[in-house]
């Protein structure tokens, strides 16, 4: 019994030991490697992905560019431009600027990559090779012949309809129409007034009228005698039969200018209307000024067909004949387009000159502030009676509240006669009838990306002249701006065929309460044509090279950056 009991006890102890061993956790070294996967979720999608997405080294923090004026005594409107973060740019103004969105939509403030500006501005490549974000990229500029643009596959917005857009040019209205009729081009700018009815009667063509948001004027520079005498300028104002010019040389939809700014623009026609034609009163004024027998002078112009001046040579000849009736002998001088723009803008023409303006944005500041600001030497010494009122009015958001100031400014322009406003010229574009999406813009910025030449892969456009350059931040010529507008984009944009401001590279530009700070929020994921991504530093750089005259990249084409000066006042660090 005892032995059996002992055996039973031993057996019992062995069984207990085995049971305990089975219930005891295994040592880590004893665990089979194969067991571990059973602790991991079977679904591969449940495996955290963060380890593969995190770079080995942290990305450097975004360093935003900032350009600040020490104070506002330099005479400009901008105090600071700052990249707040990758997709936010803030503009701090010296005074309220209610027109900022309209300005920011304009092609003279287009955005290019920071790195490209830093290299291409110095090499001058930027003048012929813009790198933008638009629906088309520049493939080639064949000087003297054409510009070729290709559809940008990575465009952030609605893609262009047509694969290729070709820009060509001719200064002859008849030549442009002949090409359209023969089918070698799909659309033309500014058909001659005499051809309007021809186009309307052709079932294969279609005319698109353009609203007359423009002004043609005869200008004088008051630093050259005898135009330094206000009575001489007033005599010329009264001695030109402006109605005769409109009747003889302008198409339907044109009108004699009662003021410098078209009446369609708020406050454009406030104040007294311009002088009536009065030849005898003009002769009396001329005699009172010391020129009873008149004087000799010149009439300068460029022979480029524009909506505000459809027949330059014919108009110049008629003005020459009208001046002759006053006793003024005027020699006609035709200048190359680029030289004419440069010399007239700088106030270096010693006679009369024929020039005009197409609206870049639908605001009175675009007309008056551009031409009559204190920083514009075009008409000679500027007039404080005009620019002081304009500076005050430009800070007022409500047009009705600003009206009294614009009355004073317009009346001062009439009294002082820096120029003679002649006409608001009606104009048009013409296209093959089969082209869908064709239009005429009142701002002259027709948008080729929405046009479809009956399913063909190439749209050919013919305008009046070859661009001066394609760095349009430093150009004022419409023939340069339009091709730029297909390739380059600004913070905001104008609606196709209209004047309303819409989102562009920025989803919005929002003001603070007193309109002195504008915060622009950039679109995300926008690619430049070189593949780089848009960020706030690209915006700051694009603006600052124009704003800061001391910046080593403040080169441009002429270096004048006229639009920046006229719309935002003096340049920073300008001599």
Protein backbone atom coordinates (compact mmCIF):
# COMPACT_ATOMS: atom_id res chain seq x y z
CA UNK A 1 0.00 0.00 0.00
CA UNK A 2 2.74 2.32 1.05
CA UNK A 3 4.76 1.67 -2.14
CA UNK A 4 1.70 2.07 -4.32
CA UNK A 5 0.80 5.29 -2.57
CA UNK A 6 4.29 6.58 -3.15
CA UNK A 7 4.06 5.75 -6.82
CA UNK A 8 0.72 7.42 -7.05
CA UNK A 9 2.14 10.54 -5.44
CA UNK A 10 5.02 10.65 -7.89
CA UNK A 11 2.70 10.26 -10.82
CA UNK A 12 0.48 13.01 -9.40
CA UNK A 13 3.45 15.37 -9.04
CA UNK A 14 4.57 14.73 -12.58
CA UNK A 15 1.10 15.49 -13.94
CA UNK A 16 0.89 18.70 -11.89
CA UNK A 17 4.31 19.78 -13.15
CA UNK A 18 3.25 19.21 -16.74
CA UNK A 19 0.05 21.15 -16.20
CA UNK A 20 1.93 24.06 -14.64
CA UNK A 21 4.44 24.06 -17.50
CA UNK A 22 1.64 24.15 -20.00
CA UNK A 23 0.08 27.17 -18.28
CA UNK A 24 3.32 29.09 -17.76
CA UNK A 25 4.21 31.75 -20.45
CA UNK A 26 7.12 30.74 -22.59
CA UNK A 27 10.34 32.61 -22.32
CA UNK A 28 10.92 35.09 -25.20
CA UNK A 29 13.76 33.04 -26.52
CA UNK A 30 11.58 30.02 -26.72
CA UNK A 31 8.81 31.63 -28.74
CA UNK A 32 8.73 30.43 -32.33
CA UNK A 33 9.32 33.24 -34.85
CA UNK A 34 6.36 31.98 -36.86
CA UNK A 35 3.89 32.91 -34.15
CA UNK A 36 4.33 36.69 -34.51
CA UNK A 37 2.32 37.28 -37.70
CA UNK A 38 -0.78 35.99 -36.00
CA UNK A 39 -0.69 39.12 -33.83
CA UNK A 40 -0.74 41.41 -36.92
CA UNK A 41 -4.07 42.23 -38.66
CA UNK A 42 -4.57 40.04 -41.68
CA UNK A 43 -5.77 42.94 -43.86
CA UNK A 44 -2.81 44.66 -45.47
CA UNK A 45 -4.76 47.95 -45.56
CA UNK A 46 -4.72 47.99 -41.79
CA UNK A 47 -0.95 48.21 -41.65
CA UNK A 48 0.02 51.82 -40.72
CA UNK A 49 1.45 53.62 -43.73
CA UNK A 50 3.17 56.46 -41.86
CA UNK A 51 6.65 54.93 -41.75
CA UNK A 52 6.92 54.91 -45.56
CA UNK A 53 5.56 58.46 -45.93
CA UNK A 54 7.90 60.13 -43.46
CA UNK A 55 11.23 61.19 -45.01
CA UNK A 56 14.43 60.21 -43.37
CA UNK A 57 15.15 63.89 -42.71
CA UNK A 58 12.43 66.46 -41.92
CA UNK A 59 11.51 68.87 -44.70
CA UNK A 60 12.87 72.38 -44.18
CA UNK A 61 10.33 74.90 -42.96
CA UNK A 62 8.95 77.31 -45.59
CA UNK A 63 10.86 80.58 -45.53
CA UNK A 64 8.58 83.27 -46.85
CA UNK A 65 9.97 86.26 -48.73
CA UNK A 66 9.15 89.71 -47.38
CA UNK A 67 9.78 93.11 -48.91
CA UNK A 68 9.00 96.09 -46.73
CA UNK A 69 9.26 99.81 -47.28
CA UNK A 70 10.84 101.63 -44.32
CA UNK A 71 7.88 104.02 -44.43
CA UNK A 72 5.41 105.43 -46.92
CA UNK A 73 7.29 108.65 -47.59
CA UNK A 74 8.68 107.25 -50.86
CA UNK A 75 5.37 108.08 -52.57
CA UNK A 76 4.06 104.62 -53.40
CA UNK A 77 0.90 102.83 -52.33
CA UNK A 78 2.50 99.60 -51.09
CA UNK A 79 4.04 99.24 -47.61
CA UNK A 80 4.83 95.52 -47.64
CA UNK A 81 4.49 92.34 -49.69
CA UNK A 82 4.90 89.17 -47.63
CA UNK A 83 4.65 85.42 -48.13
CA UNK A 84 2.79 84.49 -44.94
CA UNK A 85 2.97 80.79 -45.72
CA UNK A 86 3.32 78.61 -48.80
CA UNK A 87 -0.12 79.52 -50.12
CA UNK A 88 -0.78 82.96 -48.63
CA UNK A 89 0.48 86.36 -49.76
CA UNK A 90 -0.34 89.56 -47.92
CA UNK A 91 -0.20 93.06 -49.39
CA UNK A 92 -0.08 95.91 -46.87
CA UNK A 93 -0.94 99.27 -48.39
CA UNK A 94 0.00 102.76 -47.31
CA UNK A 95 -3.56 103.94 -47.94
CA UNK A 96 -6.86 102.17 -48.69
CA UNK A 97 -6.93 100.73 -52.20
CA UNK A 98 -10.42 99.60 -53.21
CA UNK A 99 -9.25 98.93 -56.78
CA UNK A 100 -6.63 96.38 -55.70
CA UNK A 101 -8.53 93.30 -57.02
CA UNK A 102 -8.97 94.88 -60.46
CA UNK A 103 -5.27 95.70 -60.55
CA UNK A 104 -4.20 92.27 -59.32
CA UNK A 105 -6.12 90.64 -62.16
CA UNK A 106 -4.21 92.53 -64.81
CA UNK A 107 -1.59 90.77 -66.95
CA UNK A 108 1.13 93.30 -66.03
CA UNK A 109 1.18 91.55 -62.64
CA UNK A 110 1.51 87.99 -63.95
CA UNK A 111 3.37 85.40 -61.89
CA UNK A 112 6.46 83.44 -62.95
CA UNK A 113 8.66 81.04 -60.93
CA UNK A 114 11.04 82.69 -58.49
CA UNK A 115 14.00 80.62 -59.68
CA UNK A 116 13.27 81.34 -63.34
CA UNK A 117 13.12 85.08 -62.69
CA UNK A 118 16.46 84.94 -60.89
CA UNK A 119 18.20 83.37 -63.88
CA UNK A 120 16.23 84.47 -66.94
CA UNK A 121 15.99 88.14 -65.98
CA UNK A 122 19.78 88.43 -65.96
CA UNK A 123 20.21 86.44 -69.18
CA UNK A 124 17.31 88.37 -70.80
CA UNK A 125 15.68 85.06 -71.76
CA UNK A 126 12.60 86.17 -69.86
CA UNK A 127 11.80 88.67 -72.63
CA UNK A 128 11.13 85.88 -75.11
CA UNK A 129 10.56 82.77 -72.97
CA UNK A 130 7.88 83.34 -70.34
CA UNK A 131 7.26 80.47 -67.92
CA UNK A 132 3.72 80.68 -66.68
CA UNK A 133 0.82 78.64 -65.39
CA UNK A 134 -1.61 79.34 -68.26
CA UNK A 135 -3.54 76.91 -70.47
CA UNK A 136 -0.83 77.25 -73.13
CA UNK A 137 2.95 77.24 -72.95
CA UNK A 138 5.25 79.00 -75.39
CA UNK A 139 6.79 76.63 -77.91
CA UNK A 140 8.50 79.19 -80.14
CA UNK A 141 8.66 82.84 -81.13
CA UNK A 142 9.73 83.12 -84.74
CA UNK A 143 10.67 86.78 -84.93
CA UNK A 144 8.98 88.64 -87.76
CA UNK A 145 6.61 85.74 -88.49
CA UNK A 146 4.70 84.03 -85.69
CA UNK A 147 4.38 82.85 -82.10
CA UNK A 148 3.43 79.21 -81.48
CA UNK A 149 1.81 78.01 -78.25
CA UNK A 150 0.97 74.47 -77.18
CA UNK A 151 -1.68 73.13 -74.85
CA UNK A 152 -0.37 72.64 -71.30
CA UNK A 153 -1.33 69.11 -70.21
CA UNK A 154 -0.97 69.85 -66.48
CA UNK A 155 -3.05 73.01 -66.46
CA UNK A 156 -4.77 73.48 -63.11
CA UNK A 157 -8.02 74.87 -64.53
CA UNK A 158 -10.28 73.97 -67.43
CA UNK A 159 -8.00 72.66 -70.18
CA UNK A 160 -7.64 74.44 -73.50
CA UNK A 161 -9.85 73.10 -76.26
CA UNK A 162 -7.36 73.44 -79.08
CA UNK A 163 -3.90 71.83 -79.05
CA UNK A 164 -2.04 74.66 -80.78
CA UNK A 165 -2.51 78.43 -81.01
CA UNK A 166 -0.53 80.47 -83.53
CA UNK A 167 -0.22 84.27 -83.34
CA UNK A 168 0.55 86.17 -86.53
CA UNK A 169 0.36 89.89 -87.33
CA UNK A 170 -0.16 92.49 -90.04
CA UNK A 171 -0.50 96.24 -89.79
CA UNK A 172 -2.88 96.37 -92.76
CA UNK A 173 -6.56 95.84 -92.07
CA UNK A 174 -7.19 94.75 -95.66
CA UNK A 175 -4.45 92.14 -95.40
CA UNK A 176 -5.90 90.72 -92.18
CA UNK A 177 -9.36 90.46 -93.75
CA UNK A 178 -8.00 88.79 -96.88
CA UNK A 179 -6.32 86.12 -94.77
CA UNK A 180 -9.55 85.53 -92.89
CA UNK A 181 -11.55 85.25 -96.09
CA UNK A 182 -9.04 82.86 -97.62
CA UNK A 183 -9.03 80.65 -94.51
CA UNK A 184 -5.36 81.01 -93.62
CA UNK A 185 -6.33 82.47 -90.22
CA UNK A 186 -9.29 81.75 -87.94
CA UNK A 187 -9.68 85.18 -86.34
CA UNK A 188 -8.46 88.75 -86.68
CA UNK A 189 -8.31 91.78 -84.44
CA UNK A 190 -9.60 95.24 -85.35
CA UNK A 191 -10.98 94.87 -88.87
CA UNK A 192 -11.06 98.20 -90.67
CA UNK A 193 -14.28 100.21 -90.23
CA UNK A 194 -14.91 100.03 -93.99
CA UNK A 195 -14.88 96.21 -93.75
CA UNK A 196 -17.54 95.81 -91.08
CA UNK A 197 -20.36 95.46 -93.59
CA UNK A 198 -18.29 93.12 -95.79
CA UNK A 199 -17.82 90.79 -92.81
CA UNK A 200 -21.47 90.97 -91.75
CA UNK A 201 -22.63 90.05 -95.25
CA UNK A 202 -20.34 87.02 -95.53
CA UNK A 203 -22.04 83.87 -94.16
CA UNK A 204 -18.64 82.28 -93.57
CA UNK A 205 -17.54 85.07 -91.22
CA UNK A 206 -18.81 86.60 -88.00
CA UNK A 207 -18.18 90.03 -86.47
CA UNK A 208 -17.98 90.46 -82.70
CA UNK A 209 -18.39 94.06 -81.51
CA UNK A 210 -16.12 95.28 -78.76
CA UNK A 211 -17.41 97.81 -76.23
CA UNK A 212 -15.59 101.15 -76.52
CA UNK A 213 -13.69 101.15 -73.23
CA UNK A 214 -10.88 103.23 -74.68
CA UNK A 215 -9.76 106.75 -75.50
CA UNK A 216 -7.89 108.28 -78.45
CA UNK A 217 -6.20 111.59 -77.68
CA UNK A 218 -3.85 114.18 -79.17
CA UNK A 219 -1.16 114.80 -76.58
CA UNK A 220 1.35 117.56 -75.89
CA UNK A 221 4.35 117.69 -73.57
CA UNK A 222 4.32 120.91 -71.56
CA UNK A 223 8.09 121.06 -71.13
CA UNK A 224 8.50 121.90 -74.84
CA UNK A 225 7.48 125.33 -76.15
CA UNK A 226 4.97 126.47 -77.26
CA UNK A 227 3.06 123.72 -75.43
CA UNK A 228 4.26 125.14 -72.12
CA UNK A 229 1.64 127.84 -72.68
CA UNK A 230 -1.82 126.75 -71.51
CA UNK A 231 -3.52 129.08 -74.02
CA UNK A 232 -1.80 127.25 -76.88
CA UNK A 233 -3.05 123.94 -75.54
CA UNK A 234 -6.58 125.34 -75.12
CA UNK A 235 -6.48 126.74 -78.67
CA UNK A 236 -5.68 123.30 -80.08
CA UNK A 237 -8.47 121.82 -77.94
CA UNK A 238 -10.99 124.20 -79.50
CA UNK A 239 -9.50 124.08 -82.99
CA UNK A 240 -9.88 120.34 -83.64
CA UNK A 241 -13.18 119.18 -85.14
CA UNK A 242 -13.46 115.91 -83.26
CA UNK A 243 -16.85 115.03 -84.69
CA UNK A 244 -15.37 115.25 -88.19
CA UNK A 245 -12.70 112.73 -87.25
CA UNK A 246 -15.21 110.27 -85.78
CA UNK A 247 -17.59 110.62 -88.73
CA UNK A 248 -14.88 110.09 -91.34
CA UNK A 249 -12.64 107.43 -89.82
CA UNK A 250 -14.41 105.51 -87.06
CA UNK A 251 -16.86 102.58 -87.24
CA UNK A 252 -20.32 102.38 -85.79
CA UNK A 253 -20.36 102.25 -82.02
CA UNK A 254 -17.77 105.03 -81.78
CA UNK A 255 -18.44 108.39 -80.17
CA UNK A 256 -16.82 111.77 -79.66
CA UNK A 257 -15.20 111.89 -76.23
CA UNK A 258 -16.88 114.25 -73.78
CA UNK A 259 -14.27 113.32 -71.16
CA UNK A 260 -11.02 111.40 -71.06
CA UNK A 261 -12.64 108.33 -69.45
CA UNK A 262 -15.56 106.54 -71.18
CA UNK A 263 -18.95 107.18 -69.61
CA UNK A 264 -19.46 103.44 -69.06
CA UNK A 265 -16.87 103.64 -66.27
CA UNK A 266 -18.28 105.02 -62.96
CA UNK A 267 -17.38 108.72 -62.56
CA UNK A 268 -15.85 108.73 -66.03
CA UNK A 269 -18.04 111.59 -67.25
CA UNK A 270 -18.46 113.64 -64.10
CA UNK A 271 -17.66 117.33 -64.40
CA UNK A 272 -17.84 119.65 -67.42
CA UNK A 273 -17.92 118.26 -70.94
CA UNK A 274 -15.02 119.03 -73.30
CA UNK A 275 -14.75 122.17 -75.45
CA UNK A 276 -16.96 122.51 -78.50
CA UNK A 277 -15.29 123.04 -81.84
CA UNK A 278 -14.80 126.80 -82.31
CA UNK A 279 -12.18 127.75 -84.87
CA UNK A 280 -12.45 131.51 -84.31
CA UNK A 281 -12.16 131.24 -80.55
CA UNK A 282 -9.13 129.00 -81.07
CA UNK A 283 -7.46 131.59 -83.32
CA UNK A 284 -8.09 134.27 -80.71
CA UNK A 285 -6.52 132.18 -77.97
CA UNK A 286 -3.53 131.45 -80.17
CA UNK A 287 -3.02 135.17 -80.81
CA UNK A 288 -3.37 135.92 -77.09
CA UNK A 289 -0.64 133.35 -76.46
CA UNK A 290 1.69 135.28 -78.80
CA UNK A 291 1.22 133.18 -81.96
CA UNK A 292 -1.13 135.13 -84.22
CA UNK A 293 0.49 133.52 -87.26
CA UNK A 294 0.73 130.09 -85.73
CA UNK A 295 3.94 128.06 -85.42
CA UNK A 296 5.71 124.98 -86.77
CA UNK A 297 5.54 121.62 -85.02
CA UNK A 298 5.33 117.87 -85.66
CA UNK A 299 2.72 115.14 -85.40
CA UNK A 300 4.21 111.85 -84.16
CA UNK A 301 2.45 108.51 -84.39
CA UNK A 302 2.99 104.80 -84.98
CA UNK A 303 1.25 103.25 -87.95
CA UNK A 304 -0.44 100.51 -85.92
CA UNK A 305 -4.17 99.91 -86.21
CA UNK A 306 -5.79 100.09 -82.76
CA UNK A 307 -9.38 100.09 -81.60
CA UNK A 308 -9.02 103.65 -80.41
CA UNK A 309 -7.25 104.71 -83.65
CA UNK A 310 -8.43 102.60 -86.59
CA UNK A 311 -6.84 104.62 -89.40
CA UNK A 312 -3.65 106.20 -88.00
CA UNK A 313 -2.23 107.71 -91.18
CA UNK A 314 -5.58 109.05 -92.38
CA UNK A 315 -6.39 110.55 -88.99
CA UNK A 316 -2.91 112.13 -88.79
CA UNK A 317 -3.36 113.68 -92.22
CA UNK A 318 -6.75 115.12 -91.32
CA UNK A 319 -5.44 116.57 -88.03
CA UNK A 320 -2.57 118.10 -90.02
CA UNK A 321 -5.13 119.78 -92.31
CA UNK A 322 -7.20 121.04 -89.37
CA UNK A 323 -4.14 122.52 -87.66
CA UNK A 324 -3.30 124.29 -90.91
CA UNK A 325 -6.58 126.18 -90.60
CA UNK A 326 -5.28 127.47 -87.25
CA UNK A 327 -2.01 128.57 -88.85
CA UNK A 328 -0.07 125.68 -87.35
CA UNK A 329 2.23 123.87 -89.79
CA UNK A 330 2.70 120.28 -88.60
CA UNK A 331 5.12 117.79 -90.11
CA UNK A 332 3.99 114.17 -89.90
CA UNK A 333 6.55 111.79 -88.37
CA UNK A 334 5.89 108.04 -88.38
CA UNK A 335 7.82 106.13 -85.70
CA UNK A 336 8.52 102.46 -85.06
CA UNK A 337 6.03 101.16 -82.50
CA UNK A 338 8.40 100.30 -79.64
CA UNK A 339 10.37 103.53 -80.00
CA UNK A 340 7.18 105.56 -80.12
CA UNK A 341 5.84 104.02 -76.91
CA UNK A 342 9.15 104.51 -75.12
CA UNK A 343 9.62 108.13 -76.22
CA UNK A 344 6.04 109.23 -75.62
CA UNK A 345 5.88 107.56 -72.20
CA UNK A 346 9.06 109.34 -71.16
CA UNK A 347 7.77 112.73 -72.31
CA UNK A 348 10.49 113.18 -74.92
CA UNK A 349 8.37 114.07 -77.97
CA UNK A 350 8.60 117.77 -78.77
CA UNK A 351 5.40 118.06 -80.80
CA UNK A 352 1.89 116.68 -80.89
CA UNK A 353 1.48 112.93 -80.82
CA UNK A 354 -1.39 110.53 -81.41
CA UNK A 355 -1.93 107.94 -78.73
CA UNK A 356 -4.70 106.20 -76.89
CA UNK A 357 -5.63 103.73 -74.23
CA UNK A 358 -7.62 100.52 -74.03
CA UNK A 359 -8.95 99.68 -70.59
CA UNK A 360 -6.92 97.07 -68.76
CA UNK A 361 -9.45 96.87 -65.97
CA UNK A 362 -12.85 98.54 -65.67
CA UNK A 363 -12.07 101.22 -63.12
CA UNK A 364 -11.53 104.94 -63.44
CA UNK A 365 -8.09 104.62 -61.84
CA UNK A 366 -6.98 102.69 -64.92
CA UNK A 367 -7.63 105.76 -67.07
CA UNK A 368 -6.96 108.78 -64.89
CA UNK A 369 -4.40 107.50 -62.39
CA UNK A 370 -2.31 105.92 -65.11
CA UNK A 371 -2.09 109.09 -67.20
CA UNK A 372 -2.23 111.92 -64.68
CA UNK A 373 -0.42 110.58 -61.64
CA UNK A 374 2.39 112.63 -60.14
CA UNK A 375 4.95 110.06 -61.31
CA UNK A 376 3.98 110.08 -65.02
CA UNK A 377 6.27 112.29 -67.16
CA UNK A 378 4.29 111.65 -70.37
CA UNK A 379 2.68 115.09 -70.57
CA UNK A 380 5.65 116.88 -69.04
CA UNK A 381 5.35 118.41 -65.60
CA UNK A 382 2.38 116.81 -63.85
CA UNK A 383 -0.47 118.92 -62.53
CA UNK A 384 -1.13 118.85 -58.75
CA UNK A 385 -4.64 120.21 -59.40
CA UNK A 386 -5.32 116.82 -60.99
CA UNK A 387 -3.17 114.23 -59.24
CA UNK A 388 -3.91 115.39 -55.69
CA UNK A 389 -7.64 114.88 -56.24
CA UNK A 390 -7.03 111.52 -57.89
CA UNK A 391 -4.88 110.30 -55.01
CA UNK A 392 -7.63 111.19 -52.55
CA UNK A 393 -10.41 109.69 -54.66
CA UNK A 394 -8.55 106.41 -55.21
CA UNK A 395 -8.84 105.61 -51.49
CA UNK A 396 -12.63 105.72 -51.52
CA UNK A 397 -14.47 102.46 -52.16
CA UNK A 398 -17.91 103.93 -52.84
CA UNK A 399 -17.97 105.61 -56.30
CA UNK A 400 -20.76 107.95 -55.20
CA UNK A 401 -18.70 109.26 -52.29
CA UNK A 402 -15.73 109.82 -54.63
CA UNK A 403 -17.78 111.72 -57.25
CA UNK A 404 -17.01 115.30 -56.05
CA UNK A 405 -13.28 114.61 -56.25
CA UNK A 406 -13.56 113.23 -59.79
CA UNK A 407 -15.58 116.30 -60.78
CA UNK A 408 -12.69 118.49 -59.66
CA UNK A 409 -10.11 116.29 -61.39
CA UNK A 410 -11.99 116.15 -64.70
CA UNK A 411 -12.59 119.91 -64.66
CA UNK A 412 -8.89 120.53 -64.01
CA UNK A 413 -7.96 118.28 -66.94
CA UNK A 414 -10.25 120.31 -69.18
CA UNK A 415 -8.80 123.63 -68.00
CA UNK A 416 -5.14 122.60 -68.15
CA UNK A 417 -5.39 120.50 -71.40
CA UNK A 418 -2.51 118.02 -71.03
CA UNK A 419 -4.07 116.41 -74.11
CA UNK A 420 -7.21 116.62 -76.26
CA UNK A 421 -9.59 113.63 -75.92
CA UNK A 422 -10.91 112.80 -79.38
CA UNK A 423 -12.92 109.59 -79.47
CA UNK A 424 -13.98 106.39 -77.79
CA UNK A 425 -13.51 104.04 -80.71
CA UNK A 426 -15.84 101.20 -81.48
CA UNK A 427 -13.99 98.13 -82.65
CA UNK A 428 -14.44 94.43 -83.19
CA UNK A 429 -12.89 91.08 -83.79
CA UNK A 430 -13.84 88.84 -86.70
CA UNK A 431 -13.72 85.05 -86.89
CA UNK A 432 -14.69 82.25 -89.19
CA UNK A 433 -18.34 81.53 -88.44
CA UNK A 434 -17.47 77.92 -87.60
CA UNK A 435 -15.24 78.90 -84.65
CA UNK A 436 -17.14 78.29 -81.43
CA UNK A 437 -16.23 80.23 -78.31
CA UNK A 438 -15.08 83.20 -80.40
CA UNK A 439 -15.62 86.59 -78.75
CA UNK A 440 -14.43 90.16 -78.40
CA UNK A 441 -13.38 91.39 -74.98
CA UNK A 442 -13.92 95.03 -73.92
CA UNK A 443 -10.48 94.77 -72.31
CA UNK A 444 -8.87 93.42 -75.49
CA UNK A 445 -7.81 90.21 -73.74
CA UNK A 446 -9.49 87.59 -75.90
CA UNK A 447 -9.01 84.12 -74.37
CA UNK A 448 -7.99 81.54 -76.95
CA UNK A 449 -8.35 78.50 -74.67
CA UNK A 450 -12.16 78.52 -75.00
CA UNK A 451 -12.17 78.65 -78.80
CA UNK A 452 -12.72 75.63 -81.04
CA UNK A 453 -11.86 75.96 -84.75
CA UNK A 454 -14.37 73.33 -85.85
CA UNK A 455 -12.42 70.49 -84.27
CA UNK A 456 -9.08 71.31 -85.91
CA UNK A 457 -6.01 71.06 -83.71
CA UNK A 458 -4.68 74.55 -84.54
CA UNK A 459 -6.21 78.01 -84.11
CA UNK A 460 -4.52 80.88 -85.99
CA UNK A 461 -5.01 84.44 -84.75
CA UNK A 462 -3.85 87.59 -86.55
CA UNK A 463 -3.38 90.87 -84.72
CA UNK A 464 -2.09 94.30 -85.67
CA UNK A 465 1.56 94.08 -84.72
CA UNK A 466 4.30 91.85 -83.35
CA UNK A 467 4.83 91.93 -79.57
CA UNK A 468 7.63 94.10 -78.25
CA UNK A 469 8.52 91.45 -75.66
CA UNK A 470 6.76 88.68 -73.75
CA UNK A 471 7.80 89.92 -70.33
CA UNK A 472 4.56 91.80 -69.95
CA UNK A 473 5.22 93.04 -66.43
CA UNK A 474 7.27 95.69 -68.22
CA UNK A 475 5.14 96.29 -71.32
CA UNK A 476 2.12 98.50 -72.02
CA UNK A 477 1.47 97.48 -75.62
CA UNK A 478 -1.71 95.52 -76.30
CA UNK A 479 -0.07 93.40 -78.98
CA UNK A 480 2.39 92.20 -76.35
CA UNK A 481 -0.16 91.69 -73.59
CA UNK A 482 -2.59 89.47 -75.50
CA UNK A 483 -0.13 86.61 -76.21
CA UNK A 484 1.16 86.92 -72.66
CA UNK A 485 -2.37 86.41 -71.38
CA UNK A 486 -2.54 82.96 -72.98
CA UNK A 487 0.63 81.79 -71.24
CA UNK A 488 0.82 83.75 -67.99
CA UNK A 489 -1.69 84.29 -65.19
CA UNK A 490 -2.15 86.75 -62.35
CA UNK A 491 -3.51 86.41 -58.83
CA UNK A 492 -7.01 87.17 -60.07
CA UNK A 493 -8.54 87.22 -63.55
CA UNK A 494 -11.28 88.80 -65.63
CA UNK A 495 -14.25 86.83 -66.83
CA UNK A 496 -13.96 85.65 -70.45
CA UNK A 497 -15.28 88.39 -72.70
CA UNK A 498 -16.19 90.62 -69.76
CA UNK A 499 -14.83 92.83 -67.00
CA UNK A 500 -15.88 91.11 -63.76
CA UNK A 501 -13.00 90.03 -61.51
CA UNK A 502 -12.80 86.31 -60.79
CA UNK A 503 -10.43 83.95 -58.96
CA UNK A 504 -7.16 83.26 -60.74
CA UNK A 505 -4.03 81.85 -59.17
CA UNK A 506 -5.62 83.02 -55.93
CA UNK A 507 -8.98 81.68 -54.81
CA UNK A 508 -9.58 85.11 -53.32
CA UNK A 509 -7.90 88.33 -52.23
CA UNK A 510 -9.67 89.47 -49.08
CA UNK A 511 -9.37 92.94 -47.52
CA UNK A 512 -9.37 94.04 -43.93
CA UNK A 513 -12.02 96.50 -42.82
CA UNK A 514 -10.29 99.67 -44.04
CA UNK A 515 -8.92 98.17 -47.31
CA UNK A 516 -5.28 98.63 -46.31
CA UNK A 517 -4.41 94.91 -46.11
CA UNK A 518 -5.23 92.44 -48.88
CA UNK A 519 -4.67 88.75 -48.16
CA UNK A 520 -4.52 86.48 -51.20
CA UNK A 521 -5.03 82.73 -50.82
CA UNK A 522 -3.33 80.72 -53.57
CA UNK A 523 -4.69 77.71 -55.39
CA UNK A 524 -3.05 74.48 -54.25
CA UNK A 525 -1.16 72.21 -56.65
CA UNK A 526 -0.76 74.72 -59.50
CA UNK A 527 2.12 73.82 -61.80
CA UNK A 528 4.28 76.14 -63.86
CA UNK A 529 5.20 75.10 -67.38
CA UNK A 530 8.61 74.01 -66.10
CA UNK A 531 6.97 71.54 -63.70
CA UNK A 532 7.60 73.51 -60.50
CA UNK A 533 4.76 74.18 -58.08
CA UNK A 534 3.39 77.65 -57.43
CA UNK A 535 3.98 79.05 -53.97
CA UNK A 536 3.80 82.42 -52.26
CA UNK A 537 7.47 83.24 -52.91
CA UNK A 538 6.84 83.11 -56.65
CA UNK A 539 4.21 85.81 -56.18
CA UNK A 540 6.39 87.99 -53.99
CA UNK A 541 9.33 87.73 -56.36
CA UNK A 542 7.19 88.52 -59.41
CA UNK A 543 5.91 91.71 -57.77
CA UNK A 544 9.05 92.81 -55.97
CA UNK A 545 11.33 92.87 -59.03
CA UNK A 546 9.00 95.51 -60.44
CA UNK A 547 8.33 97.38 -57.19
CA UNK A 548 11.88 97.69 -55.81
CA UNK A 549 14.10 99.75 -58.10
CA UNK A 550 17.14 98.72 -56.06
CA UNK A 551 16.54 95.02 -56.60
CA UNK A 552 19.29 93.58 -58.85
CA UNK A 553 16.55 91.88 -60.89
CA UNK A 554 14.73 95.15 -61.57
CA UNK A 555 15.71 94.95 -65.23
CA UNK A 556 12.70 94.05 -67.37
CA UNK A 557 12.67 95.26 -70.94
CA UNK A 558 12.90 99.02 -70.46
CA UNK A 559 13.19 98.90 -66.68
CA UNK A 560 10.40 101.45 -66.38
CA UNK A 561 7.68 99.04 -65.18
CA UNK A 562 5.17 101.71 -66.14
CA UNK A 563 2.03 99.90 -65.10
CA UNK A 564 3.41 99.33 -61.61
CA UNK A 565 4.34 102.98 -61.30
CA UNK A 566 1.07 104.35 -62.59
CA UNK A 567 -1.18 102.00 -60.63
CA UNK A 568 0.77 101.81 -57.36
CA UNK A 569 2.66 105.10 -57.29
CA UNK A 570 6.40 105.58 -57.00
CA UNK A 571 8.73 102.62 -57.04
CA UNK A 572 10.53 101.68 -53.85
CA UNK A 573 14.14 102.94 -53.74
CA UNK A 574 13.72 104.87 -56.99
CA UNK A 575 16.10 107.77 -57.52
